[in-house]
Amino acid sequence: MTVRLDSDLLRTFLAVAESGNFTRAAETVGRTQSAISMQIKRLEEVVGEVLFERGARGVTLTRRGGDLVANARRIVSLLDETAASMRSAPLGGPVRIGLPEEYGQPVLSRALGAFAQRHAQVEVTVRFGYSASQMAALAAGELDLAVVFEWQEPSGAEVLMDDPTVWVTSNRHQLHEERPLPIAVYSREGWSREYVLASLERRGIDYRFAYTSDTTNGLLLAVTAGLAVAPISRSNIPPDCRELTEADGFGQIDRTRVVLHRNPRANSEAVDVMASAIREAFHQRR
């Protein structure tokens, strides 16, 4: 059976869900309370489910109502974005982005796909690299937006997601049981010494260097090939691998946040829209 959902009904549904009250929802959408009640009844007839539990102090979502909320928000947001893009003039000019390589495929491809469909005239340049080099490029005016890891004191930048670094092992090879522990680490010293090696030394785990790499993809290869265990962002654990937890004698390496920095001199609308696309792509990944 095909269910046809009217966007006006979805907007009313969200107003009721967010306010928990038909009267406040009516004020939000500019309709009478009886009209709101009729629209919710109509939506429940369309979907064939009760969406709200009625009570003396207002309404609460049923399980099916809760299932509908996220999809309703996406649909309404997409409709609003589409309407806005149809009203606005096409954007142009350059946008320069810096990003950690591990978010290229899962995040940047989604952000660029959504952006390019509406703003094909914008010239996008992407630079993958370490957080320190991205911040240096941002300060030098070579980037408009920089997504970087932040594991020390908060800088005040916009937090896109929490993504701690954890020890990861291959389910097929079980190398985490070996001693000395074969580990793969980045070739750069600072973070690896201060966090990665320190996390093993605190736990009294004897280790040996089995693999070093300049890139995250290199660490992923070492784990999946059964060469070593490696420090990897929790969101980036590959298939057939798993996080080594406190129960395994390991635990988190750091409490990394992924944050968005913006060049204060980058004032174009294209940069505004790209920042929103990146923000939304990370939100979907959470």
C-alpha atoms as a PDB file:
ATOM      1  CA  MET A   1       0.000   0.000   0.000  1.00  0.00           C
ATOM      2  CA  THR A   2       1.290   3.471  -0.929  1.00  0.00           C
ATOM      3  CA  VAL A   3       1.148   6.064   1.843  1.00  0.00           C
ATOM      4  CA  ARG A   4       1.041   9.683   0.654  1.00  0.00           C
ATOM      5  CA  LEU A   5       2.167  12.144   3.308  1.00  0.00           C
ATOM      6  CA  ASP A   6       1.160  15.780   2.967  1.00  0.00           C
ATOM      7  CA  SER A   7       3.941  18.165   4.002  1.00  0.00           C
ATOM      8  CA  ASP A   8       1.422  20.429   5.756  1.00  0.00           C
ATOM      9  CA  LEU A   9       0.341  17.494   7.931  1.00  0.00           C
ATOM     10  CA  LEU A  10       3.971  16.717   8.744  1.00  0.00           C
ATOM     11  CA  ARG A  11       4.628  20.326   9.791  1.00  0.00           C
ATOM     12  CA  THR A  12       1.631  20.238  12.104  1.00  0.00           C
ATOM     13  CA  PHE A  13       2.741  16.861  13.476  1.00  0.00           C
ATOM     14  CA  LEU A  14       6.197  18.270  14.290  1.00  0.00           C
ATOM     15  CA  ALA A  15       4.694  21.351  15.948  1.00  0.00           C
ATOM     16  CA  VAL A  16       2.614  19.109  18.242  1.00  0.00           C
ATOM     17  CA  ALA A  17       5.512  16.721  18.902  1.00  0.00           C
ATOM     18  CA  GLU A  18       7.870  19.558  19.845  1.00  0.00           C
ATOM     19  CA  SER A  19       5.386  21.475  22.009  1.00  0.00           C
ATOM     20  CA  GLY A  20       3.606  18.472  23.567  1.00  0.00           C
ATOM     21  CA  ASN A  21       0.401  20.470  23.443  1.00  0.00           C
ATOM     22  CA  PHE A  22      -2.250  21.115  20.776  1.00  0.00           C
ATOM     23  CA  THR A  23      -2.852  24.687  21.960  1.00  0.00           C
ATOM     24  CA  ARG A  24       0.811  25.726  21.752  1.00  0.00           C
ATOM     25  CA  ALA A  25       1.147  23.930  18.410  1.00  0.00           C
ATOM     26  CA  ALA A  26      -1.839  25.904  17.085  1.00  0.00           C
ATOM     27  CA  GLU A  27      -0.128  29.161  18.088  1.00  0.00           C
ATOM     28  CA  THR A  28       3.092  28.047  16.378  1.00  0.00           C
ATOM     29  CA  VAL A  29       1.497  27.270  13.004  1.00  0.00           C
ATOM     30  CA  GLY A  30      -1.181  29.964  13.153  1.00  0.00           C
ATOM     31  CA  ARG A  31      -4.253  27.700  13.157  1.00  0.00           C
ATOM     32  CA  THR A  32      -7.069  26.946  15.556  1.00  0.00           C
ATOM     33  CA  GLN A  33      -6.764  24.092  18.019  1.00  0.00           C
ATOM     34  CA  SER A  34      -9.657  22.264  16.330  1.00  0.00           C
ATOM     35  CA  ALA A  35      -7.873  22.530  12.975  1.00  0.00           C
ATOM     36  CA  ILE A  36      -4.716  21.067  14.539  1.00  0.00           C
ATOM     37  CA  SER A  37      -6.719  18.180  16.012  1.00  0.00           C
ATOM     38  CA  MET A  38      -8.323  17.467  12.629  1.00  0.00           C
ATOM     39  CA  GLN A  39      -4.940  17.467  10.883  1.00  0.00           C
ATOM     40  CA  ILE A  40      -3.419  15.041  13.395  1.00  0.00           C
ATOM     41  CA  LYS A  41      -6.456  12.786  13.072  1.00  0.00           C
ATOM     42  CA  ARG A  42      -6.074  12.893   9.285  1.00  0.00           C
ATOM     43  CA  LEU A  43      -2.363  12.020   9.513  1.00  0.00           C
ATOM     44  CA  GLU A  44      -3.103   9.104  11.836  1.00  0.00           C
ATOM     45  CA  GLU A  45      -5.680   7.844   9.326  1.00  0.00           C
ATOM     46  CA  VAL A  46      -3.138   8.107   6.502  1.00  0.00           C
ATOM     47  CA  VAL A  47      -0.399   6.190   8.317  1.00  0.00           C
ATOM     48  CA  GLY A  48      -2.824   3.810  10.010  1.00  0.00           C
ATOM     49  CA  GLU A  49      -1.271   4.314  13.453  1.00  0.00           C
ATOM     50  CA  VAL A  50      -1.955   6.310  16.591  1.00  0.00           C
ATOM     51  CA  LEU A  51       0.837   8.903  16.858  1.00  0.00           C
ATOM     52  CA  PHE A  52       0.075  10.549  20.202  1.00  0.00           C
ATOM     53  CA  GLU A  53      -1.081   9.464  23.614  1.00  0.00           C
ATOM     54  CA  ARG A  54      -3.551  12.048  24.935  1.00  0.00           C
ATOM     55  CA  GLY A  55      -3.346  13.065  28.603  1.00  0.00           C
ATOM     56  CA  ALA A  56      -4.630  15.738  30.954  1.00  0.00           C
ATOM     57  CA  ARG A  57      -1.432  17.797  30.611  1.00  0.00           C
ATOM     58  CA  GLY A  58      -0.917  17.406  26.884  1.00  0.00           C
ATOM     59  CA  VAL A  59       0.219  14.698  24.497  1.00  0.00           C
ATOM     60  CA  THR A  60       3.215  12.381  24.218  1.00  0.00           C
ATOM     61  CA  LEU A  61       4.478  10.470  21.219  1.00  0.00           C
ATOM     62  CA  THR A  62       3.642   6.801  20.847  1.00  0.00           C
ATOM     63  CA  ARG A  63       6.372   4.449  19.657  1.00  0.00           C
ATOM     64  CA  ARG A  64       5.193   4.854  16.065  1.00  0.00           C
ATOM     65  CA  GLY A  65       5.000   8.597  16.511  1.00  0.00           C
ATOM     66  CA  GLY A  66       8.597   8.625  17.689  1.00  0.00           C
ATOM     67  CA  ASP A  67       9.601   6.638  14.602  1.00  0.00           C
ATOM     68  CA  LEU A  68       7.969   9.240  12.377  1.00  0.00           C
ATOM     69  CA  VAL A  69       9.617  12.307  13.966  1.00  0.00           C
ATOM     70  CA  ALA A  70      13.108  11.883  12.476  1.00  0.00           C
ATOM     71  CA  ASN A  71      11.783  11.194   8.976  1.00  0.00           C
ATOM     72  CA  ALA A  72       9.324  14.094   9.205  1.00  0.00           C
ATOM     73  CA  ARG A  73      12.137  16.468  10.144  1.00  0.00           C
ATOM     74  CA  ARG A  74      14.247  15.313   7.209  1.00  0.00           C
ATOM     75  CA  ILE A  75      11.358  15.690   4.767  1.00  0.00           C
ATOM     76  CA  VAL A  76      10.398  19.164   5.988  1.00  0.00           C
ATOM     77  CA  SER A  77      14.046  20.271   6.057  1.00  0.00           C
ATOM     78  CA  LEU A  78      14.591  19.034   2.499  1.00  0.00           C
ATOM     79  CA  LEU A  79      11.470  20.834   1.296  1.00  0.00           C
ATOM     80  CA  ASP A  80      12.608  24.055   2.966  1.00  0.00           C
ATOM     81  CA  GLU A  81      16.103  23.736   1.484  1.00  0.00           C
ATOM     82  CA  THR A  82      14.671  23.070  -1.971  1.00  0.00           C
ATOM     83  CA  ALA A  83      12.361  26.069  -1.761  1.00  0.00           C
ATOM     84  CA  ALA A  84      15.230  28.285  -0.596  1.00  0.00           C
ATOM     85  CA  SER A  85      17.524  27.118  -3.394  1.00  0.00           C
ATOM     86  CA  MET A  86      14.830  27.785  -6.004  1.00  0.00           C
ATOM     87  CA  ARG A  87      14.367  31.335  -4.693  1.00  0.00           C
ATOM     88  CA  SER A  88      18.046  32.219  -4.412  1.00  0.00           C
ATOM     89  CA  ALA A  89      20.483  33.048  -7.188  1.00  0.00           C
ATOM     90  CA  PRO A  90      23.100  30.373  -8.020  1.00  0.00           C
ATOM     91  CA  LEU A  91      26.236  30.690  -5.931  1.00  0.00           C
ATOM     92  CA  GLY A  92      29.683  31.031  -7.437  1.00  0.00           C
ATOM     93  CA  GLY A  93      33.293  31.487  -6.438  1.00  0.00           C
ATOM     94  CA  PRO A  94      35.804  29.260  -4.639  1.00  0.00           C
ATOM     95  CA  VAL A  95      35.446  27.311  -1.385  1.00  0.00           C
ATOM     96  CA  ARG A  96      38.587  25.763   0.126  1.00  0.00           C
ATOM     97  CA  ILE A  97      38.173  22.979   2.684  1.00  0.00           C
ATOM     98  CA  GLY A  98      40.638  21.152   4.923  1.00  0.00           C
ATOM     99  CA  LEU A  99      39.606  17.763   6.297  1.00  0.00           C
ATOM    100  CA  PRO A 100      41.079  14.649   7.970  1.00  0.00           C
ATOM    101  CA  GLU A 101      41.371  11.881   5.396  1.00  0.00           C
ATOM    102  CA  GLU A 102      39.196   9.439   7.365  1.00  0.00           C
ATOM    103  CA  TYR A 103      36.134  11.618   6.788  1.00  0.00           C
ATOM    104  CA  GLY A 104      36.637  11.958   3.044  1.00  0.00           C
ATOM    105  CA  GLN A 105      34.368   9.170   1.868  1.00  0.00           C
ATOM    106  CA  PRO A 106      31.756   8.937   4.634  1.00  0.00           C
ATOM    107  CA  VAL A 107      31.298  12.664   5.262  1.00  0.00           C
ATOM    108  CA  LEU A 108      32.751  14.844   2.519  1.00  0.00           C
ATOM    109  CA  SER A 109      31.198  12.826  -0.311  1.00  0.00           C
ATOM    110  CA  ARG A 110      27.781  13.330   1.281  1.00  0.00           C
ATOM    111  CA  ALA A 111      28.365  17.044   1.874  1.00  0.00           C
ATOM    112  CA  LEU A 112      29.717  17.660  -1.633  1.00  0.00           C
ATOM    113  CA  GLY A 113      26.921  15.667  -3.224  1.00  0.00           C
ATOM    114  CA  ALA A 114      24.251  17.768  -1.528  1.00  0.00           C
ATOM    115  CA  PHE A 115      26.171  20.999  -2.234  1.00  0.00           C
ATOM    116  CA  ALA A 116      26.996  20.359  -5.908  1.00  0.00           C
ATOM    117  CA  GLN A 117      23.404  19.556  -6.844  1.00  0.00           C
ATOM    118  CA  ARG A 118      22.387  23.106  -5.919  1.00  0.00           C
ATOM    119  CA  HIS A 119      25.571  25.105  -6.526  1.00  0.00           C
ATOM    120  CA  ALA A 120      27.345  23.639  -9.529  1.00  0.00           C
ATOM    121  CA  GLN A 121      29.151  26.938 -10.274  1.00  0.00           C
ATOM    122  CA  VAL A 122      31.174  26.888  -7.049  1.00  0.00           C
ATOM    123  CA  GLU A 123      34.799  25.790  -7.380  1.00  0.00           C
ATOM    124  CA  VAL A 124      35.575  23.449  -4.454  1.00  0.00           C
ATOM    125  CA  THR A 125      39.138  22.644  -3.386  1.00  0.00           C
ATOM    126  CA  VAL A 126      39.740  19.957  -0.757  1.00  0.00           C
ATOM    127  CA  ARG A 127      42.952  19.482   1.197  1.00  0.00           C
ATOM    128  CA  PHE A 128      43.512  16.361   3.314  1.00  0.00           C
ATOM    129  CA  GLY A 129      46.086  16.536   6.072  1.00  0.00           C
ATOM    130  CA  TYR A 130      46.953  16.600   9.755  1.00  0.00           C
ATOM    131  CA  SER A 131      45.094  18.945  12.069  1.00  0.00           C
ATOM    132  CA  ALA A 132      48.191  21.051  12.757  1.00  0.00           C
ATOM    133  CA  SER A 133      48.870  21.616   9.058  1.00  0.00           C
ATOM    134  CA  GLN A 134      45.204  22.443   8.408  1.00  0.00           C
ATOM    135  CA  MET A 135      45.191  25.049  11.173  1.00  0.00           C
ATOM    136  CA  ALA A 136      48.392  26.570   9.812  1.00  0.00           C
ATOM    137  CA  ALA A 137      46.823  26.767   6.337  1.00  0.00           C
ATOM    138  CA  LEU A 138      43.696  28.367   7.803  1.00  0.00           C
ATOM    139  CA  ALA A 139      45.792  31.004   9.621  1.00  0.00           C
ATOM    140  CA  ALA A 140      47.723  31.688   6.396  1.00  0.00           C
ATOM    141  CA  GLY A 141      44.477  32.313   4.506  1.00  0.00           C
ATOM    142  CA  GLU A 142      44.870  29.205   2.351  1.00  0.00           C
ATOM    143  CA  LEU A 143      41.628  27.595   3.612  1.00  0.00           C
ATOM    144  CA  ASP A 144      38.105  28.862   4.229  1.00  0.00           C
ATOM    145  CA  LEU A 145      36.950  25.947   6.397  1.00  0.00           C
ATOM    146  CA  ALA A 146      38.966  23.422   8.381  1.00  0.00           C
ATOM    147  CA  VAL A 147      37.615  20.291  10.046  1.00  0.00           C
ATOM    148  CA  VAL A 148      40.183  19.155  12.591  1.00  0.00           C
ATOM    149  CA  PHE A 149      40.654  16.900  15.590  1.00  0.00           C
ATOM    150  CA  GLU A 150      40.745  18.573  18.985  1.00  0.00           C
ATOM    151  CA  TRP A 151      41.841  16.436  21.928  1.00  0.00           C
ATOM    152  CA  GLN A 152      43.187  18.995  24.378  1.00  0.00           C
ATOM    153  CA  GLU A 153      41.460  22.080  25.835  1.00  0.00           C
ATOM    154  CA  PRO A 154      38.362  23.210  23.878  1.00  0.00           C
ATOM    155  CA  SER A 155      39.157  26.025  21.451  1.00  0.00           C
ATOM    156  CA  GLY A 156      35.609  27.341  21.227  1.00  0.00           C
ATOM    157  CA  ALA A 157      35.195  26.045  17.671  1.00  0.00           C
ATOM    158  CA  GLU A 158      31.938  24.392  16.632  1.00  0.00           C
ATOM    159  CA  VAL A 159      31.871  20.729  17.704  1.00  0.00           C
ATOM    160  CA  LEU A 160      30.652  18.483  14.888  1.00  0.00           C
ATOM    161  CA  MET A 161      30.913  15.200  16.776  1.00  0.00           C
ATOM    162  CA  ASP A 162      32.748  13.394  19.558  1.00  0.00           C
ATOM    163  CA  ASP A 163      34.976  10.721  18.050  1.00  0.00           C
ATOM    164  CA  PRO A 164      37.465   9.308  20.579  1.00  0.00           C
ATOM    165  CA  THR A 165      40.521   7.350  19.442  1.00  0.00           C
ATOM    166  CA  VAL A 166      40.458   3.693  20.499  1.00  0.00           C
ATOM    167  CA  TRP A 167      42.615   0.612  20.059  1.00  0.00           C
ATOM    168  CA  VAL A 168      41.322  -1.579  17.219  1.00  0.00           C
ATOM    169  CA  THR A 169      42.053  -5.217  16.447  1.00  0.00           C
ATOM    170  CA  SER A 170      41.102  -7.614  13.656  1.00  0.00           C
ATOM    171  CA  ASN A 171      38.495 -10.202  14.625  1.00  0.00           C
ATOM    172  CA  ARG A 172      40.299 -12.712  12.429  1.00  0.00           C
ATOM    173  CA  HIS A 173      43.779 -12.369  13.907  1.00  0.00           C
ATOM    174  CA  GLN A 174      43.334 -11.572  17.627  1.00  0.00           C
ATOM    175  CA  LEU A 175      46.732  -9.856  17.778  1.00  0.00           C
ATOM    176  CA  HIS A 176      45.741  -7.992  20.934  1.00  0.00           C
ATOM    177  CA  GLU A 177      46.459 -11.202  22.887  1.00  0.00           C
ATOM    178  CA  GLU A 178      50.145 -11.245  21.877  1.00  0.00           C
ATOM    179  CA  ARG A 179      52.960  -9.911  24.095  1.00  0.00           C
ATOM    180  CA  PRO A 180      54.806  -7.854  23.303  1.00  0.00           C
ATOM    181  CA  LEU A 181      51.800  -6.277  21.611  1.00  0.00           C
ATOM    182  CA  PRO A 182      52.411  -5.525  17.889  1.00  0.00           C
ATOM    183  CA  ILE A 183      51.236  -1.945  17.296  1.00  0.00           C
ATOM    184  CA  ALA A 184      50.862   0.336  14.297  1.00  0.00           C
ATOM    185  CA  VAL A 185      51.361   4.062  14.918  1.00  0.00           C
ATOM    186  CA  TYR A 186      51.676   7.315  13.026  1.00  0.00           C
ATOM    187  CA  SER A 187      55.207   8.274  12.115  1.00  0.00           C
ATOM    188  CA  ARG A 188      54.748  11.747  13.661  1.00  0.00           C
ATOM    189  CA  GLU A 189      55.902  11.761  17.262  1.00  0.00           C
ATOM    190  CA  GLY A 190      53.917  14.211  19.396  1.00  0.00           C
ATOM    191  CA  TRP A 191      50.426  12.758  19.624  1.00  0.00           C
ATOM    192  CA  SER A 192      51.631   9.149  19.339  1.00  0.00           C
ATOM    193  CA  ARG A 193      54.018   9.539  22.264  1.00  0.00           C
ATOM    194  CA  GLU A 194      51.734  11.621  24.485  1.00  0.00           C
ATOM    195  CA  TYR A 195      48.557   9.620  24.024  1.00  0.00           C
ATOM    196  CA  VAL A 196      49.003   6.325  22.157  1.00  0.00           C
ATOM    197  CA  LEU A 197      52.099   4.964  23.866  1.00  0.00           C
ATOM    198  CA  ALA A 198      51.132   6.508  27.201  1.00  0.00           C
ATOM    199  CA  SER A 199      47.826   4.618  27.141  1.00  0.00           C
ATOM    200  CA  LEU A 200      49.735   1.308  26.915  1.00  0.00           C
ATOM    201  CA  GLU A 201      52.341   2.257  29.485  1.00  0.00           C
ATOM    202  CA  ARG A 202      49.655   3.256  32.011  1.00  0.00           C
ATOM    203  CA  ARG A 203      48.200  -0.216  31.692  1.00  0.00           C
ATOM    204  CA  GLY A 204      51.551  -1.990  31.855  1.00  0.00           C
ATOM    205  CA  ILE A 205      51.194  -3.465  28.351  1.00  0.00           C
ATOM    206  CA  ASP A 206      54.505  -4.435  26.753  1.00  0.00           C
ATOM    207  CA  TYR A 207      54.556  -3.477  23.057  1.00  0.00           C
ATOM    208  CA  ARG A 208      56.666  -3.486  19.937  1.00  0.00           C
ATOM    209  CA  PHE A 209      56.468  -1.317  16.820  1.00  0.00           C
ATOM    210  CA  ALA A 210      55.233  -3.504  13.972  1.00  0.00           C
ATOM    211  CA  TYR A 211      54.161  -0.814  11.490  1.00  0.00           C
ATOM    212  CA  THR A 212      54.360   2.953  11.043  1.00  0.00           C
ATOM    213  CA  SER A 213      52.449   5.115   8.609  1.00  0.00           C
ATOM    214  CA  ASP A 214      51.899   8.747   7.691  1.00  0.00           C
ATOM    215  CA  THR A 215      48.215   8.144   7.013  1.00  0.00           C
ATOM    216  CA  THR A 216      45.121   6.700   8.660  1.00  0.00           C
ATOM    217  CA  ASN A 217      44.605   4.427   5.665  1.00  0.00           C
ATOM    218  CA  GLY A 218      47.987   2.915   6.446  1.00  0.00           C
ATOM    219  CA  LEU A 219      46.883   2.105  10.003  1.00  0.00           C
ATOM    220  CA  LEU A 220      43.643   0.602   8.721  1.00  0.00           C
ATOM    221  CA  LEU A 221      45.627  -1.607   6.354  1.00  0.00           C
ATOM    222  CA  ALA A 222      47.869  -2.789   9.202  1.00  0.00           C
ATOM    223  CA  VAL A 223      44.847  -3.828  11.290  1.00  0.00           C
ATOM    224  CA  THR A 224      42.833  -5.531   8.548  1.00  0.00           C
ATOM    225  CA  ALA A 225      45.905  -7.382   7.245  1.00  0.00           C
ATOM    226  CA  GLY A 226      46.641  -8.751  10.715  1.00  0.00           C
ATOM    227  CA  LEU A 227      49.954  -6.936  11.109  1.00  0.00           C
ATOM    228  CA  ALA A 228      49.161  -5.009  14.288  1.00  0.00           C
ATOM    229  CA  VAL A 229      46.552  -3.344  16.476  1.00  0.00           C
ATOM    230  CA  ALA A 230      46.240   0.393  15.885  1.00  0.00           C
ATOM    231  CA  PRO A 231      44.792   3.654  17.265  1.00  0.00           C
ATOM    232  CA  ILE A 232      41.768   4.545  15.117  1.00  0.00           C
ATOM    233  CA  SER A 233      38.819   6.909  15.494  1.00  0.00           C
ATOM    234  CA  ARG A 234      35.811   5.021  16.824  1.00  0.00           C
ATOM    235  CA  SER A 235      33.637   6.066  13.875  1.00  0.00           C
ATOM    236  CA  ASN A 236      36.229   4.702  11.430  1.00  0.00           C
ATOM    237  CA  ILE A 237      36.585   1.091  12.653  1.00  0.00           C
ATOM    238  CA  PRO A 238      36.685  -1.131   9.541  1.00  0.00           C
ATOM    239  CA  PRO A 239      34.546  -4.237   8.936  1.00  0.00           C
ATOM    240  CA  ASP A 240      35.652  -7.447  10.703  1.00  0.00           C
ATOM    241  CA  CYS A 241      37.450  -5.375  13.341  1.00  0.00           C
ATOM    242  CA  ARG A 242      36.447  -4.160  16.780  1.00  0.00           C
ATOM    243  CA  GLU A 243      37.334  -1.734  19.542  1.00  0.00           C
ATOM    244  CA  LEU A 244      39.446  -3.028  22.409  1.00  0.00           C
ATOM    245  CA  THR A 245      37.604  -1.957  25.555  1.00  0.00           C
ATOM    246  CA  GLU A 246      38.367  -1.870  29.275  1.00  0.00           C
ATOM    247  CA  ALA A 247      37.180  -5.487  29.407  1.00  0.00           C
ATOM    248  CA  ASP A 248      40.084  -6.372  27.092  1.00  0.00           C
ATOM    249  CA  GLY A 249      42.523  -4.413  29.260  1.00  0.00           C
ATOM    250  CA  PHE A 250      42.683  -1.385  26.926  1.00  0.00           C
ATOM    251  CA  GLY A 251      40.136   1.471  26.804  1.00  0.00           C
ATOM    252  CA  GLN A 252      39.999   4.877  25.099  1.00  0.00           C
ATOM    253  CA  ILE A 253      43.230   6.569  24.038  1.00  0.00           C
ATOM    254  CA  ASP A 254      41.868  10.120  24.025  1.00  0.00           C
ATOM    255  CA  ARG A 255      38.588  12.074  24.062  1.00  0.00           C
ATOM    256  CA  THR A 256      38.848  13.605  20.604  1.00  0.00           C
ATOM    257  CA  ARG A 257      36.296  16.108  19.352  1.00  0.00           C
ATOM    258  CA  VAL A 258      35.879  16.851  15.652  1.00  0.00           C
ATOM    259  CA  VAL A 259      35.479  20.616  15.263  1.00  0.00           C
ATOM    260  CA  LEU A 260      34.874  23.109  12.474  1.00  0.00           C
ATOM    261  CA  HIS A 261      37.035  26.234  12.196  1.00  0.00           C
ATOM    262  CA  ARG A 262      36.279  29.037   9.775  1.00  0.00           C
ATOM    263  CA  ASN A 263      38.593  31.640   8.339  1.00  0.00           C
ATOM    264  CA  PRO A 264      37.218  34.948   9.706  1.00  0.00           C
ATOM    265  CA  ARG A 265      37.991  36.558   6.354  1.00  0.00           C
ATOM    266  CA  ALA A 266      35.879  34.007   4.445  1.00  0.00           C
ATOM    267  CA  ASN A 267      32.587  35.882   4.220  1.00  0.00           C
ATOM    268  CA  SER A 268      31.019  34.503   1.055  1.00  0.00           C
ATOM    269  CA  GLU A 269      27.600  32.897   0.946  1.00  0.00           C
ATOM    270  CA  ALA A 270      29.166  29.869  -0.747  1.00  0.00           C
ATOM    271  CA  VAL A 271      31.283  29.276   2.373  1.00  0.00           C
ATOM    272  CA  ASP A 272      28.157  29.659   4.558  1.00  0.00           C
ATOM    273  CA  VAL A 273      26.306  27.029   2.549  1.00  0.00           C
ATOM    274  CA  MET A 274      29.263  24.645   2.448  1.00  0.00           C
ATOM    275  CA  ALA A 275      29.651  24.924   6.232  1.00  0.00           C
ATOM    276  CA  SER A 276      25.969  23.987   6.593  1.00  0.00           C
ATOM    277  CA  ALA A 277      26.418  21.011   4.243  1.00  0.00           C
ATOM    278  CA  ILE A 278      29.415  19.749   6.246  1.00  0.00           C
ATOM    279  CA  ARG A 279      27.524  20.242   9.503  1.00  0.00           C
ATOM    280  CA  GLU A 280      24.562  18.242   8.207  1.00  0.00           C
ATOM    281  CA  ALA A 281      26.802  15.450   6.862  1.00  0.00           C
ATOM    282  CA  PHE A 282      28.397  14.997  10.287  1.00  0.00           C
ATOM    283  CA  HIS A 283      24.981  15.122  11.950  1.00  0.00           C
ATOM    284  CA  GLN A 284      23.826  12.221   9.756  1.00  0.00           C
ATOM    285  CA  ARG A 285      26.972  10.252  10.631  1.00  0.00           C
ATOM    286  CA  ARG A 286      26.434  10.447  14.414  1.00  0.00           C
END
